[in-house]
């Protein structure tokens, strides 16, 4: 949740996973 958005918040949004083996 991102509140008080402005046009500068326009973007492609991704979710991603890190794990102990993948770090960083």
PDBML (XML) file of the C-alpha atoms, coordinates in Angstrom:
<?xml version="1.0" encoding="UTF-8" ?>
<PDBx:datablock datablockName="MODEL"
   xmlns:PDBx="http://pdbml.pdb.org/schema/pdbx-v50.xsd"
   xmlns:xsi="http://www.w3.org/2001/XMLSchema-instance"
   xsi:schemaLocation="http://pdbml.pdb.org/schema/pdbx-v50.xsd pdbx-v50.xsd">
   <PDBx:atom_siteCategory>
      <PDBx:atom_site id="1">
         <PDBx:B_iso_or_equiv>0.00</PDBx:B_iso_or_equiv>
         <PDBx:Cartn_x>0.000</PDBx:Cartn_x>
         <PDBx:Cartn_y>0.000</PDBx:Cartn_y>
         <PDBx:Cartn_z>0.000</PDBx:Cartn_z>
         <PDBx:auth_asym_id>A</PDBx:auth_asym_id>
         <PDBx:auth_atom_id>CA</PDBx:auth_atom_id>
         <PDBx:auth_comp_id>UNK</PDBx:auth_comp_id>
         <PDBx:auth_seq_id>1</PDBx:auth_seq_id>
         <PDBx:group_PDB>ATOM</PDBx:group_PDB>
         <PDBx:label_alt_id xsi:nil="true" />
         <PDBx:label_asym_id>A</PDBx:label_asym_id>
         <PDBx:label_atom_id>CA</PDBx:label_atom_id>
         <PDBx:label_comp_id>UNK</PDBx:label_comp_id>
         <PDBx:label_entity_id>1</PDBx:label_entity_id>
         <PDBx:label_seq_id>1</PDBx:label_seq_id>
         <PDBx:occupancy>1.00</PDBx:occupancy>
         <PDBx:pdbx_PDB_model_num>1</PDBx:pdbx_PDB_model_num>
         <PDBx:type_symbol>C</PDBx:type_symbol>
      </PDBx:atom_site>
      <PDBx:atom_site id="2">
         <PDBx:B_iso_or_equiv>0.00</PDBx:B_iso_or_equiv>
         <PDBx:Cartn_x>1.412</PDBx:Cartn_x>
         <PDBx:Cartn_y>3.334</PDBx:Cartn_y>
         <PDBx:Cartn_z>-1.110</PDBx:Cartn_z>
         <PDBx:auth_asym_id>A</PDBx:auth_asym_id>
         <PDBx:auth_atom_id>CA</PDBx:auth_atom_id>
         <PDBx:auth_comp_id>UNK</PDBx:auth_comp_id>
         <PDBx:auth_seq_id>2</PDBx:auth_seq_id>
         <PDBx:group_PDB>ATOM</PDBx:group_PDB>
         <PDBx:label_alt_id xsi:nil="true" />
         <PDBx:label_asym_id>A</PDBx:label_asym_id>
         <PDBx:label_atom_id>CA</PDBx:label_atom_id>
         <PDBx:label_comp_id>UNK</PDBx:label_comp_id>
         <PDBx:label_entity_id>1</PDBx:label_entity_id>
         <PDBx:label_seq_id>2</PDBx:label_seq_id>
         <PDBx:occupancy>1.00</PDBx:occupancy>
         <PDBx:pdbx_PDB_model_num>1</PDBx:pdbx_PDB_model_num>
         <PDBx:type_symbol>C</PDBx:type_symbol>
      </PDBx:atom_site>
      <PDBx:atom_site id="3">
         <PDBx:B_iso_or_equiv>0.00</PDBx:B_iso_or_equiv>
         <PDBx:Cartn_x>-0.564</PDBx:Cartn_x>
         <PDBx:Cartn_y>6.325</PDBx:Cartn_y>
         <PDBx:Cartn_z>0.089</PDBx:Cartn_z>
         <PDBx:auth_asym_id>A</PDBx:auth_asym_id>
         <PDBx:auth_atom_id>CA</PDBx:auth_atom_id>
         <PDBx:auth_comp_id>UNK</PDBx:auth_comp_id>
         <PDBx:auth_seq_id>3</PDBx:auth_seq_id>
         <PDBx:group_PDB>ATOM</PDBx:group_PDB>
         <PDBx:label_alt_id xsi:nil="true" />
         <PDBx:label_asym_id>A</PDBx:label_asym_id>
         <PDBx:label_atom_id>CA</PDBx:label_atom_id>
         <PDBx:label_comp_id>UNK</PDBx:label_comp_id>
         <PDBx:label_entity_id>1</PDBx:label_entity_id>
         <PDBx:label_seq_id>3</PDBx:label_seq_id>
         <PDBx:occupancy>1.00</PDBx:occupancy>
         <PDBx:pdbx_PDB_model_num>1</PDBx:pdbx_PDB_model_num>
         <PDBx:type_symbol>C</PDBx:type_symbol>
      </PDBx:atom_site>
      <PDBx:atom_site id="4">
         <PDBx:B_iso_or_equiv>0.00</PDBx:B_iso_or_equiv>
         <PDBx:Cartn_x>-0.800</PDBx:Cartn_x>
         <PDBx:Cartn_y>9.909</PDBx:Cartn_y>
         <PDBx:Cartn_z>-1.172</PDBx:Cartn_z>
         <PDBx:auth_asym_id>A</PDBx:auth_asym_id>
         <PDBx:auth_atom_id>CA</PDBx:auth_atom_id>
         <PDBx:auth_comp_id>UNK</PDBx:auth_comp_id>
         <PDBx:auth_seq_id>4</PDBx:auth_seq_id>
         <PDBx:group_PDB>ATOM</PDBx:group_PDB>
         <PDBx:label_alt_id xsi:nil="true" />
         <PDBx:label_asym_id>A</PDBx:label_asym_id>
         <PDBx:label_atom_id>CA</PDBx:label_atom_id>
         <PDBx:label_comp_id>UNK</PDBx:label_comp_id>
         <PDBx:label_entity_id>1</PDBx:label_entity_id>
         <PDBx:label_seq_id>4</PDBx:label_seq_id>
         <PDBx:occupancy>1.00</PDBx:occupancy>
         <PDBx:pdbx_PDB_model_num>1</PDBx:pdbx_PDB_model_num>
         <PDBx:type_symbol>C</PDBx:type_symbol>
      </PDBx:atom_site>
      <PDBx:atom_site id="5">
         <PDBx:B_iso_or_equiv>0.00</PDBx:B_iso_or_equiv>
         <PDBx:Cartn_x>0.338</PDBx:Cartn_x>
         <PDBx:Cartn_y>8.992</PDBx:Cartn_y>
         <PDBx:Cartn_z>-4.648</PDBx:Cartn_z>
         <PDBx:auth_asym_id>A</PDBx:auth_asym_id>
         <PDBx:auth_atom_id>CA</PDBx:auth_atom_id>
         <PDBx:auth_comp_id>UNK</PDBx:auth_comp_id>
         <PDBx:auth_seq_id>5</PDBx:auth_seq_id>
         <PDBx:group_PDB>ATOM</PDBx:group_PDB>
         <PDBx:label_alt_id xsi:nil="true" />
         <PDBx:label_asym_id>A</PDBx:label_asym_id>
         <PDBx:label_atom_id>CA</PDBx:label_atom_id>
         <PDBx:label_comp_id>UNK</PDBx:label_comp_id>
         <PDBx:label_entity_id>1</PDBx:label_entity_id>
         <PDBx:label_seq_id>5</PDBx:label_seq_id>
         <PDBx:occupancy>1.00</PDBx:occupancy>
         <PDBx:pdbx_PDB_model_num>1</PDBx:pdbx_PDB_model_num>
         <PDBx:type_symbol>C</PDBx:type_symbol>
      </PDBx:atom_site>
      <PDBx:atom_site id="6">
         <PDBx:B_iso_or_equiv>0.00</PDBx:B_iso_or_equiv>
         <PDBx:Cartn_x>1.424</PDBx:Cartn_x>
         <PDBx:Cartn_y>11.503</PDBx:Cartn_y>
         <PDBx:Cartn_z>-7.276</PDBx:Cartn_z>
         <PDBx:auth_asym_id>A</PDBx:auth_asym_id>
         <PDBx:auth_atom_id>CA</PDBx:auth_atom_id>
         <PDBx:auth_comp_id>UNK</PDBx:auth_comp_id>
         <PDBx:auth_seq_id>6</PDBx:auth_seq_id>
         <PDBx:group_PDB>ATOM</PDBx:group_PDB>
         <PDBx:label_alt_id xsi:nil="true" />
         <PDBx:label_asym_id>A</PDBx:label_asym_id>
         <PDBx:label_atom_id>CA</PDBx:label_atom_id>
         <PDBx:label_comp_id>UNK</PDBx:label_comp_id>
         <PDBx:label_entity_id>1</PDBx:label_entity_id>
         <PDBx:label_seq_id>6</PDBx:label_seq_id>
         <PDBx:occupancy>1.00</PDBx:occupancy>
         <PDBx:pdbx_PDB_model_num>1</PDBx:pdbx_PDB_model_num>
         <PDBx:type_symbol>C</PDBx:type_symbol>
      </PDBx:atom_site>
      <PDBx:atom_site id="7">
         <PDBx:B_iso_or_equiv>0.00</PDBx:B_iso_or_equiv>
         <PDBx:Cartn_x>2.149</PDBx:Cartn_x>
         <PDBx:Cartn_y>11.116</PDBx:Cartn_y>
         <PDBx:Cartn_z>-10.998</PDBx:Cartn_z>
         <PDBx:auth_asym_id>A</PDBx:auth_asym_id>
         <PDBx:auth_atom_id>CA</PDBx:auth_atom_id>
         <PDBx:auth_comp_id>UNK</PDBx:auth_comp_id>
         <PDBx:auth_seq_id>7</PDBx:auth_seq_id>
         <PDBx:group_PDB>ATOM</PDBx:group_PDB>
         <PDBx:label_alt_id xsi:nil="true" />
         <PDBx:label_asym_id>A</PDBx:label_asym_id>
         <PDBx:label_atom_id>CA</PDBx:label_atom_id>
         <PDBx:label_comp_id>UNK</PDBx:label_comp_id>
         <PDBx:label_entity_id>1</PDBx:label_entity_id>
         <PDBx:label_seq_id>7</PDBx:label_seq_id>
         <PDBx:occupancy>1.00</PDBx:occupancy>
         <PDBx:pdbx_PDB_model_num>1</PDBx:pdbx_PDB_model_num>
         <PDBx:type_symbol>C</PDBx:type_symbol>
      </PDBx:atom_site>
      <PDBx:atom_site id="8">
         <PDBx:B_iso_or_equiv>0.00</PDBx:B_iso_or_equiv>
         <PDBx:Cartn_x>5.788</PDBx:Cartn_x>
         <PDBx:Cartn_y>10.457</PDBx:Cartn_y>
         <PDBx:Cartn_z>-10.046</PDBx:Cartn_z>
         <PDBx:auth_asym_id>A</PDBx:auth_asym_id>
         <PDBx:auth_atom_id>CA</PDBx:auth_atom_id>
         <PDBx:auth_comp_id>UNK</PDBx:auth_comp_id>
         <PDBx:auth_seq_id>8</PDBx:auth_seq_id>
         <PDBx:group_PDB>ATOM</PDBx:group_PDB>
         <PDBx:label_alt_id xsi:nil="true" />
         <PDBx:label_asym_id>A</PDBx:label_asym_id>
         <PDBx:label_atom_id>CA</PDBx:label_atom_id>
         <PDBx:label_comp_id>UNK</PDBx:label_comp_id>
         <PDBx:label_entity_id>1</PDBx:label_entity_id>
         <PDBx:label_seq_id>8</PDBx:label_seq_id>
         <PDBx:occupancy>1.00</PDBx:occupancy>
         <PDBx:pdbx_PDB_model_num>1</PDBx:pdbx_PDB_model_num>
         <PDBx:type_symbol>C</PDBx:type_symbol>
      </PDBx:atom_site>
      <PDBx:atom_site id="9">
         <PDBx:B_iso_or_equiv>0.00</PDBx:B_iso_or_equiv>
         <PDBx:Cartn_x>4.633</PDBx:Cartn_x>
         <PDBx:Cartn_y>7.138</PDBx:Cartn_y>
         <PDBx:Cartn_z>-8.604</PDBx:Cartn_z>
         <PDBx:auth_asym_id>A</PDBx:auth_asym_id>
         <PDBx:auth_atom_id>CA</PDBx:auth_atom_id>
         <PDBx:auth_comp_id>UNK</PDBx:auth_comp_id>
         <PDBx:auth_seq_id>9</PDBx:auth_seq_id>
         <PDBx:group_PDB>ATOM</PDBx:group_PDB>
         <PDBx:label_alt_id xsi:nil="true" />
         <PDBx:label_asym_id>A</PDBx:label_asym_id>
         <PDBx:label_atom_id>CA</PDBx:label_atom_id>
         <PDBx:label_comp_id>UNK</PDBx:label_comp_id>
         <PDBx:label_entity_id>1</PDBx:label_entity_id>
         <PDBx:label_seq_id>9</PDBx:label_seq_id>
         <PDBx:occupancy>1.00</PDBx:occupancy>
         <PDBx:pdbx_PDB_model_num>1</PDBx:pdbx_PDB_model_num>
         <PDBx:type_symbol>C</PDBx:type_symbol>
      </PDBx:atom_site>
      <PDBx:atom_site id="10">
         <PDBx:B_iso_or_equiv>0.00</PDBx:B_iso_or_equiv>
         <PDBx:Cartn_x>3.721</PDBx:Cartn_x>
         <PDBx:Cartn_y>5.943</PDBx:Cartn_y>
         <PDBx:Cartn_z>-12.098</PDBx:Cartn_z>
         <PDBx:auth_asym_id>A</PDBx:auth_asym_id>
         <PDBx:auth_atom_id>CA</PDBx:auth_atom_id>
         <PDBx:auth_comp_id>UNK</PDBx:auth_comp_id>
         <PDBx:auth_seq_id>10</PDBx:auth_seq_id>
         <PDBx:group_PDB>ATOM</PDBx:group_PDB>
         <PDBx:label_alt_id xsi:nil="true" />
         <PDBx:label_asym_id>A</PDBx:label_asym_id>
         <PDBx:label_atom_id>CA</PDBx:label_atom_id>
         <PDBx:label_comp_id>UNK</PDBx:label_comp_id>
         <PDBx:label_entity_id>1</PDBx:label_entity_id>
         <PDBx:label_seq_id>10</PDBx:label_seq_id>
         <PDBx:occupancy>1.00</PDBx:occupancy>
         <PDBx:pdbx_PDB_model_num>1</PDBx:pdbx_PDB_model_num>
         <PDBx:type_symbol>C</PDBx:type_symbol>
      </PDBx:atom_site>
      <PDBx:atom_site id="11">
         <PDBx:B_iso_or_equiv>0.00</PDBx:B_iso_or_equiv>
         <PDBx:Cartn_x>5.822</PDBx:Cartn_x>
         <PDBx:Cartn_y>2.832</PDBx:Cartn_y>
         <PDBx:Cartn_z>-12.702</PDBx:Cartn_z>
         <PDBx:auth_asym_id>A</PDBx:auth_asym_id>
         <PDBx:auth_atom_id>CA</PDBx:auth_atom_id>
         <PDBx:auth_comp_id>UNK</PDBx:auth_comp_id>
         <PDBx:auth_seq_id>11</PDBx:auth_seq_id>
         <PDBx:group_PDB>ATOM</PDBx:group_PDB>
         <PDBx:label_alt_id xsi:nil="true" />
         <PDBx:label_asym_id>A</PDBx:label_asym_id>
         <PDBx:label_atom_id>CA</PDBx:label_atom_id>
         <PDBx:label_comp_id>UNK</PDBx:label_comp_id>
         <PDBx:label_entity_id>1</PDBx:label_entity_id>
         <PDBx:label_seq_id>11</PDBx:label_seq_id>
         <PDBx:occupancy>1.00</PDBx:occupancy>
         <PDBx:pdbx_PDB_model_num>1</PDBx:pdbx_PDB_model_num>
         <PDBx:type_symbol>C</PDBx:type_symbol>
      </PDBx:atom_site>
      <PDBx:atom_site id="12">
         <PDBx:B_iso_or_equiv>0.00</PDBx:B_iso_or_equiv>
         <PDBx:Cartn_x>5.901</PDBx:Cartn_x>
         <PDBx:Cartn_y>-0.862</PDBx:Cartn_y>
         <PDBx:Cartn_z>-13.384</PDBx:Cartn_z>
         <PDBx:auth_asym_id>A</PDBx:auth_asym_id>
         <PDBx:auth_atom_id>CA</PDBx:auth_atom_id>
         <PDBx:auth_comp_id>UNK</PDBx:auth_comp_id>
         <PDBx:auth_seq_id>12</PDBx:auth_seq_id>
         <PDBx:group_PDB>ATOM</PDBx:group_PDB>
         <PDBx:label_alt_id xsi:nil="true" />
         <PDBx:label_asym_id>A</PDBx:label_asym_id>
         <PDBx:label_atom_id>CA</PDBx:label_atom_id>
         <PDBx:label_comp_id>UNK</PDBx:label_comp_id>
         <PDBx:label_entity_id>1</PDBx:label_entity_id>
         <PDBx:label_seq_id>12</PDBx:label_seq_id>
         <PDBx:occupancy>1.00</PDBx:occupancy>
         <PDBx:pdbx_PDB_model_num>1</PDBx:pdbx_PDB_model_num>
         <PDBx:type_symbol>C</PDBx:type_symbol>
      </PDBx:atom_site>
      <PDBx:atom_site id="13">
         <PDBx:B_iso_or_equiv>0.00</PDBx:B_iso_or_equiv>
         <PDBx:Cartn_x>5.634</PDBx:Cartn_x>
         <PDBx:Cartn_y>-2.579</PDBx:Cartn_y>
         <PDBx:Cartn_z>-10.019</PDBx:Cartn_z>
         <PDBx:auth_asym_id>A</PDBx:auth_asym_id>
         <PDBx:auth_atom_id>CA</PDBx:auth_atom_id>
         <PDBx:auth_comp_id>UNK</PDBx:auth_comp_id>
         <PDBx:auth_seq_id>13</PDBx:auth_seq_id>
         <PDBx:group_PDB>ATOM</PDBx:group_PDB>
         <PDBx:label_alt_id xsi:nil="true" />
         <PDBx:label_asym_id>A</PDBx:label_asym_id>
         <PDBx:label_atom_id>CA</PDBx:label_atom_id>
         <PDBx:label_comp_id>UNK</PDBx:label_comp_id>
         <PDBx:label_entity_id>1</PDBx:label_entity_id>
         <PDBx:label_seq_id>13</PDBx:label_seq_id>
         <PDBx:occupancy>1.00</PDBx:occupancy>
         <PDBx:pdbx_PDB_model_num>1</PDBx:pdbx_PDB_model_num>
         <PDBx:type_symbol>C</PDBx:type_symbol>
      </PDBx:atom_site>
      <PDBx:atom_site id="14">
         <PDBx:B_iso_or_equiv>0.00</PDBx:B_iso_or_equiv>
         <PDBx:Cartn_x>7.214</PDBx:Cartn_x>
         <PDBx:Cartn_y>-5.972</PDBx:Cartn_y>
         <PDBx:Cartn_z>-9.352</PDBx:Cartn_z>
         <PDBx:auth_asym_id>A</PDBx:auth_asym_id>
         <PDBx:auth_atom_id>CA</PDBx:auth_atom_id>
         <PDBx:auth_comp_id>UNK</PDBx:auth_comp_id>
         <PDBx:auth_seq_id>14</PDBx:auth_seq_id>
         <PDBx:group_PDB>ATOM</PDBx:group_PDB>
         <PDBx:label_alt_id xsi:nil="true" />
         <PDBx:label_asym_id>A</PDBx:label_asym_id>
         <PDBx:label_atom_id>CA</PDBx:label_atom_id>
         <PDBx:label_comp_id>UNK</PDBx:label_comp_id>
         <PDBx:label_entity_id>1</PDBx:label_entity_id>
         <PDBx:label_seq_id>14</PDBx:label_seq_id>
         <PDBx:occupancy>1.00</PDBx:occupancy>
         <PDBx:pdbx_PDB_model_num>1</PDBx:pdbx_PDB_model_num>
         <PDBx:type_symbol>C</PDBx:type_symbol>
      </PDBx:atom_site>
      <PDBx:atom_site id="15">
         <PDBx:B_iso_or_equiv>0.00</PDBx:B_iso_or_equiv>
         <PDBx:Cartn_x>7.152</PDBx:Cartn_x>
         <PDBx:Cartn_y>-8.428</PDBx:Cartn_y>
         <PDBx:Cartn_z>-6.530</PDBx:Cartn_z>
         <PDBx:auth_asym_id>A</PDBx:auth_asym_id>
         <PDBx:auth_atom_id>CA</PDBx:auth_atom_id>
         <PDBx:auth_comp_id>UNK</PDBx:auth_comp_id>
         <PDBx:auth_seq_id>15</PDBx:auth_seq_id>
         <PDBx:group_PDB>ATOM</PDBx:group_PDB>
         <PDBx:label_alt_id xsi:nil="true" />
         <PDBx:label_asym_id>A</PDBx:label_asym_id>
         <PDBx:label_atom_id>CA</PDBx:label_atom_id>
         <PDBx:label_comp_id>UNK</PDBx:label_comp_id>
         <PDBx:label_entity_id>1</PDBx:label_entity_id>
         <PDBx:label_seq_id>15</PDBx:label_seq_id>
         <PDBx:occupancy>1.00</PDBx:occupancy>
         <PDBx:pdbx_PDB_model_num>1</PDBx:pdbx_PDB_model_num>
         <PDBx:type_symbol>C</PDBx:type_symbol>
      </PDBx:atom_site>
      <PDBx:atom_site id="16">
         <PDBx:B_iso_or_equiv>0.00</PDBx:B_iso_or_equiv>
         <PDBx:Cartn_x>10.165</PDBx:Cartn_x>
         <PDBx:Cartn_y>-10.684</PDBx:Cartn_y>
         <PDBx:Cartn_z>-6.053</PDBx:Cartn_z>
         <PDBx:auth_asym_id>A</PDBx:auth_asym_id>
         <PDBx:auth_atom_id>CA</PDBx:auth_atom_id>
         <PDBx:auth_comp_id>UNK</PDBx:auth_comp_id>
         <PDBx:auth_seq_id>16</PDBx:auth_seq_id>
         <PDBx:group_PDB>ATOM</PDBx:group_PDB>
         <PDBx:label_alt_id xsi:nil="true" />
         <PDBx:label_asym_id>A</PDBx:label_asym_id>
         <PDBx:label_atom_id>CA</PDBx:label_atom_id>
         <PDBx:label_comp_id>UNK</PDBx:label_comp_id>
         <PDBx:label_entity_id>1</PDBx:label_entity_id>
         <PDBx:label_seq_id>16</PDBx:label_seq_id>
         <PDBx:occupancy>1.00</PDBx:occupancy>
         <PDBx:pdbx_PDB_model_num>1</PDBx:pdbx_PDB_model_num>
         <PDBx:type_symbol>C</PDBx:type_symbol>
      </PDBx:atom_site>
      <PDBx:atom_site id="17">
         <PDBx:B_iso_or_equiv>0.00</PDBx:B_iso_or_equiv>
         <PDBx:Cartn_x>11.631</PDBx:Cartn_x>
         <PDBx:Cartn_y>-13.239</PDBx:Cartn_y>
         <PDBx:Cartn_z>-3.681</PDBx:Cartn_z>
         <PDBx:auth_asym_id>A</PDBx:auth_asym_id>
         <PDBx:auth_atom_id>CA</PDBx:auth_atom_id>
         <PDBx:auth_comp_id>UNK</PDBx:auth_comp_id>
         <PDBx:auth_seq_id>17</PDBx:auth_seq_id>
         <PDBx:group_PDB>ATOM</PDBx:group_PDB>
         <PDBx:label_alt_id xsi:nil="true" />
         <PDBx:label_asym_id>A</PDBx:label_asym_id>
         <PDBx:label_atom_id>CA</PDBx:label_atom_id>
         <PDBx:label_comp_id>UNK</PDBx:label_comp_id>
         <PDBx:label_entity_id>1</PDBx:label_entity_id>
         <PDBx:label_seq_id>17</PDBx:label_seq_id>
         <PDBx:occupancy>1.00</PDBx:occupancy>
         <PDBx:pdbx_PDB_model_num>1</PDBx:pdbx_PDB_model_num>
         <PDBx:type_symbol>C</PDBx:type_symbol>
      </PDBx:atom_site>
      <PDBx:atom_site id="18">
         <PDBx:B_iso_or_equiv>0.00</PDBx:B_iso_or_equiv>
         <PDBx:Cartn_x>15.021</PDBx:Cartn_x>
         <PDBx:Cartn_y>-13.431</PDBx:Cartn_y>
         <PDBx:Cartn_z>-1.971</PDBx:Cartn_z>
         <PDBx:auth_asym_id>A</PDBx:auth_asym_id>
         <PDBx:auth_atom_id>CA</PDBx:auth_atom_id>
         <PDBx:auth_comp_id>UNK</PDBx:auth_comp_id>
         <PDBx:auth_seq_id>18</PDBx:auth_seq_id>
         <PDBx:group_PDB>ATOM</PDBx:group_PDB>
         <PDBx:label_alt_id xsi:nil="true" />
         <PDBx:label_asym_id>A</PDBx:label_asym_id>
         <PDBx:label_atom_id>CA</PDBx:label_atom_id>
         <PDBx:label_comp_id>UNK</PDBx:label_comp_id>
         <PDBx:label_entity_id>1</PDBx:label_entity_id>
         <PDBx:label_seq_id>18</PDBx:label_seq_id>
         <PDBx:occupancy>1.00</PDBx:occupancy>
         <PDBx:pdbx_PDB_model_num>1</PDBx:pdbx_PDB_model_num>
         <PDBx:type_symbol>C</PDBx:type_symbol>
      </PDBx:atom_site>
      <PDBx:atom_site id="19">
         <PDBx:B_iso_or_equiv>0.00</PDBx:B_iso_or_equiv>
         <PDBx:Cartn_x>16.246</PDBx:Cartn_x>
         <PDBx:Cartn_y>-16.503</PDBx:Cartn_y>
         <PDBx:Cartn_z>-0.107</PDBx:Cartn_z>
         <PDBx:auth_asym_id>A</PDBx:auth_asym_id>
         <PDBx:auth_atom_id>CA</PDBx:auth_atom_id>
         <PDBx:auth_comp_id>UNK</PDBx:auth_comp_id>
         <PDBx:auth_seq_id>19</PDBx:auth_seq_id>
         <PDBx:group_PDB>ATOM</PDBx:group_PDB>
         <PDBx:label_alt_id xsi:nil="true" />
         <PDBx:label_asym_id>A</PDBx:label_asym_id>
         <PDBx:label_atom_id>CA</PDBx:label_atom_id>
         <PDBx:label_comp_id>UNK</PDBx:label_comp_id>
         <PDBx:label_entity_id>1</PDBx:label_entity_id>
         <PDBx:label_seq_id>19</PDBx:label_seq_id>
         <PDBx:occupancy>1.00</PDBx:occupancy>
         <PDBx:pdbx_PDB_model_num>1</PDBx:pdbx_PDB_model_num>
         <PDBx:type_symbol>C</PDBx:type_symbol>
      </PDBx:atom_site>
      <PDBx:atom_site id="20">
         <PDBx:B_iso_or_equiv>0.00</PDBx:B_iso_or_equiv>
         <PDBx:Cartn_x>19.351</PDBx:Cartn_x>
         <PDBx:Cartn_y>-17.455</PDBx:Cartn_y>
         <PDBx:Cartn_z>1.832</PDBx:Cartn_z>
         <PDBx:auth_asym_id>A</PDBx:auth_asym_id>
         <PDBx:auth_atom_id>CA</PDBx:auth_atom_id>
         <PDBx:auth_comp_id>UNK</PDBx:auth_comp_id>
         <PDBx:auth_seq_id>20</PDBx:auth_seq_id>
         <PDBx:group_PDB>ATOM</PDBx:group_PDB>
         <PDBx:label_alt_id xsi:nil="true" />
         <PDBx:label_asym_id>A</PDBx:label_asym_id>
         <PDBx:label_atom_id>CA</PDBx:label_atom_id>
         <PDBx:label_comp_id>UNK</PDBx:label_comp_id>
         <PDBx:label_entity_id>1</PDBx:label_entity_id>
         <PDBx:label_seq_id>20</PDBx:label_seq_id>
         <PDBx:occupancy>1.00</PDBx:occupancy>
         <PDBx:pdbx_PDB_model_num>1</PDBx:pdbx_PDB_model_num>
         <PDBx:type_symbol>C</PDBx:type_symbol>
      </PDBx:atom_site>
      <PDBx:atom_site id="21">
         <PDBx:B_iso_or_equiv>0.00</PDBx:B_iso_or_equiv>
         <PDBx:Cartn_x>20.802</PDBx:Cartn_x>
         <PDBx:Cartn_y>-19.195</PDBx:Cartn_y>
         <PDBx:Cartn_z>-1.207</PDBx:Cartn_z>
         <PDBx:auth_asym_id>A</PDBx:auth_asym_id>
         <PDBx:auth_atom_id>CA</PDBx:auth_atom_id>
         <PDBx:auth_comp_id>UNK</PDBx:auth_comp_id>
         <PDBx:auth_seq_id>21</PDBx:auth_seq_id>
         <PDBx:group_PDB>ATOM</PDBx:group_PDB>
         <PDBx:label_alt_id xsi:nil="true" />
         <PDBx:label_asym_id>A</PDBx:label_asym_id>
         <PDBx:label_atom_id>CA</PDBx:label_atom_id>
         <PDBx:label_comp_id>UNK</PDBx:label_comp_id>
         <PDBx:label_entity_id>1</PDBx:label_entity_id>
         <PDBx:label_seq_id>21</PDBx:label_seq_id>
         <PDBx:occupancy>1.00</PDBx:occupancy>
         <PDBx:pdbx_PDB_model_num>1</PDBx:pdbx_PDB_model_num>
         <PDBx:type_symbol>C</PDBx:type_symbol>
      </PDBx:atom_site>
      <PDBx:atom_site id="22">
         <PDBx:B_iso_or_equiv>0.00</PDBx:B_iso_or_equiv>
         <PDBx:Cartn_x>19.977</PDBx:Cartn_x>
         <PDBx:Cartn_y>-16.391</PDBx:Cartn_y>
         <PDBx:Cartn_z>-3.650</PDBx:Cartn_z>
         <PDBx:auth_asym_id>A</PDBx:auth_asym_id>
         <PDBx:auth_atom_id>CA</PDBx:auth_atom_id>
         <PDBx:auth_comp_id>UNK</PDBx:auth_comp_id>
         <PDBx:auth_seq_id>22</PDBx:auth_seq_id>
         <PDBx:group_PDB>ATOM</PDBx:group_PDB>
         <PDBx:label_alt_id xsi:nil="true" />
         <PDBx:label_asym_id>A</PDBx:label_asym_id>
         <PDBx:label_atom_id>CA</PDBx:label_atom_id>
         <PDBx:label_comp_id>UNK</PDBx:label_comp_id>
         <PDBx:label_entity_id>1</PDBx:label_entity_id>
         <PDBx:label_seq_id>22</PDBx:label_seq_id>
         <PDBx:occupancy>1.00</PDBx:occupancy>
         <PDBx:pdbx_PDB_model_num>1</PDBx:pdbx_PDB_model_num>
         <PDBx:type_symbol>C</PDBx:type_symbol>
      </PDBx:atom_site>
      <PDBx:atom_site id="23">
         <PDBx:B_iso_or_equiv>0.00</PDBx:B_iso_or_equiv>
         <PDBx:Cartn_x>21.158</PDBx:Cartn_x>
         <PDBx:Cartn_y>-13.475</PDBx:Cartn_y>
         <PDBx:Cartn_z>-1.513</PDBx:Cartn_z>
         <PDBx:auth_asym_id>A</PDBx:auth_asym_id>
         <PDBx:auth_atom_id>CA</PDBx:auth_atom_id>
         <PDBx:auth_comp_id>UNK</PDBx:auth_comp_id>
         <PDBx:auth_seq_id>23</PDBx:auth_seq_id>
         <PDBx:group_PDB>ATOM</PDBx:group_PDB>
         <PDBx:label_alt_id xsi:nil="true" />
         <PDBx:label_asym_id>A</PDBx:label_asym_id>
         <PDBx:label_atom_id>CA</PDBx:label_atom_id>
         <PDBx:label_comp_id>UNK</PDBx:label_comp_id>
         <PDBx:label_entity_id>1</PDBx:label_entity_id>
         <PDBx:label_seq_id>23</PDBx:label_seq_id>
         <PDBx:occupancy>1.00</PDBx:occupancy>
         <PDBx:pdbx_PDB_model_num>1</PDBx:pdbx_PDB_model_num>
         <PDBx:type_symbol>C</PDBx:type_symbol>
      </PDBx:atom_site>
      <PDBx:atom_site id="24">
         <PDBx:B_iso_or_equiv>0.00</PDBx:B_iso_or_equiv>
         <PDBx:Cartn_x>21.812</PDBx:Cartn_x>
         <PDBx:Cartn_y>-10.744</PDBx:Cartn_y>
         <PDBx:Cartn_z>-2.548</PDBx:Cartn_z>
         <PDBx:auth_asym_id>A</PDBx:auth_asym_id>
         <PDBx:auth_atom_id>CA</PDBx:auth_atom_id>
         <PDBx:auth_comp_id>UNK</PDBx:auth_comp_id>
         <PDBx:auth_seq_id>24</PDBx:auth_seq_id>
         <PDBx:group_PDB>ATOM</PDBx:group_PDB>
         <PDBx:label_alt_id xsi:nil="true" />
         <PDBx:label_asym_id>A</PDBx:label_asym_id>
         <PDBx:label_atom_id>CA</PDBx:label_atom_id>
         <PDBx:label_comp_id>UNK</PDBx:label_comp_id>
         <PDBx:label_entity_id>1</PDBx:label_entity_id>
         <PDBx:label_seq_id>24</PDBx:label_seq_id>
         <PDBx:occupancy>1.00</PDBx:occupancy>
         <PDBx:pdbx_PDB_model_num>1</PDBx:pdbx_PDB_model_num>
         <PDBx:type_symbol>C</PDBx:type_symbol>
      </PDBx:atom_site>
   </PDBx:atom_siteCategory>
</PDBx:datablock>
